[in-house]
Amino acid sequence: MDDWRLMGQEKVLSNVELKKMDKKYIQSKSVLWHEHCMFCTDKITNEYGKDAYATLDEYYWICEECFNDFKEKFKWTVKE
């Protein structure tokens, strides 16, 4: 797959379990808090207005669009 967003993330994000971070949870974060999508680098803030995904320790974040684009390639599972 030739995609500008792929920059070696498979080293840390292949076959990992993610949790869905709903927009209400994201909106409850401090106004100073933010993360970036590990693929497209979009800024995820409390004003983001969309769901996102994160590793269980919330270290790596993935926007919903990139999650949908790469979920099969990276073989992610989502914790319920």
N, C-alpha and C. Protein backbone atom coordinates (compact mmCIF):
# COMPACT_ATOMS: atom_id res chain seq x y z
N MET A 1 0.85 -1.17 0.00
CA MET A 1 0.00 0.00 0.00
C MET A 1 0.90 1.24 0.00
N ASP A 2 0.69 2.10 -0.98
CA ASP A 2 1.46 3.33 -1.08
C ASP A 2 0.61 4.48 -0.57
N ASP A 3 0.89 4.94 0.63
CA ASP A 3 0.10 5.99 1.26
C ASP A 3 1.04 6.88 2.05
N TRP A 4 0.94 8.17 1.84
CA TRP A 4 1.84 9.13 2.50
C TRP A 4 1.77 9.06 4.02
N ARG A 5 0.67 8.52 4.55
CA ARG A 5 0.50 8.46 6.01
C ARG A 5 1.29 7.32 6.66
N LEU A 6 1.76 6.38 5.86
CA LEU A 6 2.51 5.24 6.40
C LEU A 6 3.98 5.62 6.54
N MET A 7 4.42 5.66 7.80
CA MET A 7 5.79 6.10 8.09
C MET A 7 6.46 5.18 9.11
N GLY A 8 6.25 3.89 8.99
CA GLY A 8 6.88 2.94 9.90
C GLY A 8 6.10 2.63 11.16
N GLN A 9 4.83 3.01 11.21
CA GLN A 9 4.03 2.78 12.41
C GLN A 9 3.83 1.30 12.73
N GLU A 10 4.04 0.42 11.75
CA GLU A 10 3.81 -1.00 12.01
C GLU A 10 4.72 -1.52 13.12
N LYS A 11 5.82 -0.86 13.37
CA LYS A 11 6.73 -1.29 14.44
C LYS A 11 6.06 -1.23 15.81
N VAL A 12 5.17 -0.27 16.01
CA VAL A 12 4.54 -0.12 17.32
C VAL A 12 3.03 -0.33 17.31
N LEU A 13 2.42 -0.37 16.13
CA LEU A 13 0.96 -0.43 16.09
C LEU A 13 0.37 -1.65 15.40
N SER A 14 1.18 -2.60 14.97
CA SER A 14 0.64 -3.82 14.36
C SER A 14 0.11 -4.76 15.43
N ASN A 15 -1.05 -5.33 15.17
CA ASN A 15 -1.65 -6.35 16.04
C ASN A 15 -1.84 -5.88 17.47
N VAL A 16 -2.19 -4.62 17.67
CA VAL A 16 -2.42 -4.12 19.03
C VAL A 16 -3.91 -3.98 19.30
N GLU A 17 -4.24 -3.98 20.57
CA GLU A 17 -5.62 -3.74 20.99
C GLU A 17 -5.78 -2.25 21.24
N LEU A 18 -6.83 -1.70 20.68
CA LEU A 18 -7.13 -0.28 20.84
C LEU A 18 -8.43 -0.13 21.61
N LYS A 19 -8.63 1.06 22.14
CA LYS A 19 -9.93 1.36 22.73
C LYS A 19 -10.51 2.56 22.00
N LYS A 20 -11.82 2.50 21.83
CA LYS A 20 -12.51 3.61 21.16
C LYS A 20 -12.70 4.73 22.17
N MET A 21 -12.29 5.92 21.78
CA MET A 21 -12.41 7.09 22.63
C MET A 21 -13.55 7.93 22.05
N ASP A 22 -14.71 7.86 22.69
CA ASP A 22 -15.84 8.58 22.10
C ASP A 22 -15.69 10.08 22.27
N LYS A 23 -16.40 10.80 21.42
CA LYS A 23 -16.23 12.26 21.40
C LYS A 23 -16.60 12.91 22.73
N LYS A 24 -17.52 12.31 23.49
CA LYS A 24 -17.86 12.88 24.80
C LYS A 24 -16.67 12.79 25.75
N TYR A 25 -15.95 11.67 25.71
CA TYR A 25 -14.75 11.53 26.54
C TYR A 25 -13.69 12.55 26.11
N ILE A 26 -13.50 12.68 24.83
CA ILE A 26 -12.50 13.62 24.31
C ILE A 26 -12.88 15.05 24.69
N GLN A 27 -14.16 15.38 24.59
CA GLN A 27 -14.62 16.73 24.93
C GLN A 27 -14.46 17.04 26.41
N SER A 28 -14.38 16.00 27.26
CA SER A 28 -14.23 16.22 28.70
C SER A 28 -12.79 16.54 29.10
N LYS A 29 -11.87 16.42 28.17
CA LYS A 29 -10.46 16.69 28.45
C LYS A 29 -10.22 18.20 28.63
N SER A 30 -9.15 18.54 29.27
CA SER A 30 -8.76 19.94 29.49
C SER A 30 -8.59 20.67 28.15
N VAL A 31 -8.83 21.97 28.16
CA VAL A 31 -8.64 22.75 26.94
C VAL A 31 -7.17 22.76 26.50
N LEU A 32 -6.26 22.48 27.40
CA LEU A 32 -4.84 22.44 27.06
C LEU A 32 -4.40 21.09 26.50
N TRP A 33 -5.21 20.05 26.71
CA TRP A 33 -4.88 18.70 26.27
C TRP A 33 -5.00 18.58 24.76
N HIS A 34 -4.09 17.85 24.15
CA HIS A 34 -4.25 17.46 22.75
C HIS A 34 -3.32 16.29 22.43
N GLU A 35 -3.68 15.57 21.41
CA GLU A 35 -2.88 14.48 20.87
C GLU A 35 -2.88 14.65 19.35
N HIS A 36 -2.05 13.88 18.68
CA HIS A 36 -2.03 13.89 17.22
C HIS A 36 -2.24 12.48 16.71
N CYS A 37 -2.96 12.36 15.61
CA CYS A 37 -3.12 11.06 14.96
C CYS A 37 -1.75 10.57 14.52
N MET A 38 -1.46 9.31 14.79
CA MET A 38 -0.17 8.72 14.44
C MET A 38 0.03 8.54 12.94
N PHE A 39 -1.01 8.78 12.16
CA PHE A 39 -0.91 8.60 10.72
C PHE A 39 -0.98 9.93 9.96
N CYS A 40 -2.06 10.65 10.10
CA CYS A 40 -2.23 11.90 9.34
C CYS A 40 -1.78 13.12 10.13
N THR A 41 -1.47 12.95 11.39
CA THR A 41 -1.03 13.99 12.33
C THR A 41 -2.11 15.03 12.65
N ASP A 42 -3.36 14.75 12.30
CA ASP A 42 -4.44 15.67 12.70
C ASP A 42 -4.41 15.85 14.20
N LYS A 43 -4.69 17.05 14.63
CA LYS A 43 -4.72 17.38 16.05
C LYS A 43 -6.06 16.94 16.64
N ILE A 44 -6.00 16.18 17.72
CA ILE A 44 -7.20 15.73 18.43
C ILE A 44 -7.25 16.53 19.73
N THR A 45 -8.28 17.37 19.86
CA THR A 45 -8.43 18.23 21.04
C THR A 45 -9.83 18.05 21.61
N ASN A 46 -10.12 18.75 22.68
CA ASN A 46 -11.46 18.65 23.26
C ASN A 46 -12.51 19.30 22.35
N GLU A 47 -12.10 19.98 21.30
CA GLU A 47 -13.02 20.55 20.32
C GLU A 47 -13.10 19.71 19.05
N TYR A 48 -12.48 18.53 19.06
CA TYR A 48 -12.36 17.66 17.89
C TYR A 48 -13.71 17.27 17.32
N GLY A 49 -14.66 16.90 18.16
CA GLY A 49 -16.01 16.59 17.71
C GLY A 49 -16.21 15.25 17.04
N LYS A 50 -15.22 14.36 17.09
CA LYS A 50 -15.33 13.03 16.49
C LYS A 50 -14.78 12.00 17.46
N ASP A 51 -15.12 10.74 17.21
CA ASP A 51 -14.51 9.65 17.96
C ASP A 51 -13.07 9.46 17.46
N ALA A 52 -12.26 8.83 18.27
CA ALA A 52 -10.89 8.48 17.88
C ALA A 52 -10.56 7.15 18.56
N TYR A 53 -9.38 6.64 18.32
CA TYR A 53 -8.93 5.38 18.92
C TYR A 53 -7.57 5.61 19.55
N ALA A 54 -7.30 4.86 20.60
CA ALA A 54 -6.01 4.99 21.29
C ALA A 54 -5.55 3.62 21.76
N THR A 55 -4.25 3.48 21.93
CA THR A 55 -3.74 2.27 22.55
C THR A 55 -4.25 2.26 23.99
N LEU A 56 -4.22 1.12 24.62
CA LEU A 56 -4.80 0.99 25.96
C LEU A 56 -4.17 1.93 26.97
N ASP A 57 -2.91 2.26 26.78
CA ASP A 57 -2.24 3.21 27.69
C ASP A 57 -2.43 4.67 27.25
N GLU A 58 -3.17 4.87 26.18
CA GLU A 58 -3.47 6.20 25.60
C GLU A 58 -2.22 6.94 25.15
N TYR A 59 -1.19 6.18 24.79
CA TYR A 59 0.05 6.80 24.32
C TYR A 59 -0.03 7.14 22.83
N TYR A 60 -0.59 6.23 22.03
CA TYR A 60 -0.73 6.44 20.59
C TYR A 60 -2.20 6.65 20.27
N TRP A 61 -2.49 7.66 19.46
CA TRP A 61 -3.86 8.00 19.08
C TRP A 61 -4.01 7.91 17.57
N ILE A 62 -5.22 7.52 17.14
CA ILE A 62 -5.52 7.37 15.72
C ILE A 62 -6.89 7.98 15.46
N CYS A 63 -6.96 8.88 14.49
CA CYS A 63 -8.26 9.48 14.17
C CYS A 63 -9.17 8.42 13.54
N GLU A 64 -10.45 8.69 13.53
CA GLU A 64 -11.42 7.72 13.03
C GLU A 64 -11.19 7.39 11.56
N GLU A 65 -10.86 8.38 10.75
CA GLU A 65 -10.63 8.14 9.33
C GLU A 65 -9.44 7.21 9.10
N CYS A 66 -8.33 7.47 9.77
CA CYS A 66 -7.15 6.61 9.61
C CYS A 66 -7.40 5.22 10.20
N PHE A 67 -8.15 5.16 11.30
CA PHE A 67 -8.51 3.85 11.85
C PHE A 67 -9.23 3.03 10.79
N ASN A 68 -10.23 3.62 10.16
CA ASN A 68 -11.00 2.89 9.14
C ASN A 68 -10.14 2.53 7.93
N ASP A 69 -9.21 3.38 7.57
CA ASP A 69 -8.35 3.11 6.41
C ASP A 69 -7.33 2.01 6.68
N PHE A 70 -6.87 1.86 7.92
CA PHE A 70 -5.75 0.96 8.20
C PHE A 70 -6.07 -0.20 9.14
N LYS A 71 -7.31 -0.34 9.58
CA LYS A 71 -7.63 -1.37 10.58
C LYS A 71 -7.33 -2.78 10.08
N GLU A 72 -7.53 -3.05 8.81
CA GLU A 72 -7.24 -4.39 8.29
C GLU A 72 -5.74 -4.60 8.12
N LYS A 73 -5.06 -3.60 7.59
CA LYS A 73 -3.61 -3.72 7.38
C LYS A 73 -2.88 -3.96 8.70
N PHE A 74 -3.29 -3.26 9.76
CA PHE A 74 -2.60 -3.36 11.04
C PHE A 74 -3.21 -4.41 11.97
N LYS A 75 -4.32 -5.01 11.56
CA LYS A 75 -4.98 -6.09 12.31
C LYS A 75 -5.30 -5.69 13.74
N TRP A 76 -5.93 -4.52 13.87
CA TRP A 76 -6.29 -4.03 15.20
C TRP A 76 -7.53 -4.72 15.73
N THR A 77 -7.59 -4.86 17.03
CA THR A 77 -8.82 -5.26 17.71
C THR A 77 -9.21 -4.10 18.62
N VAL A 78 -10.51 -3.97 18.84
CA VAL A 78 -11.00 -2.88 19.67
C VAL A 78 -11.58 -3.45 20.94
N LYS A 79 -11.08 -2.97 22.07
CA LYS A 79 -11.57 -3.41 23.38
C LYS A 79 -12.98 -2.89 23.58
N GLU A 80 -13.84 -3.78 23.99
CA GLU A 80 -15.24 -3.40 24.22
C GLU A 80 -15.43 -2.91 25.63
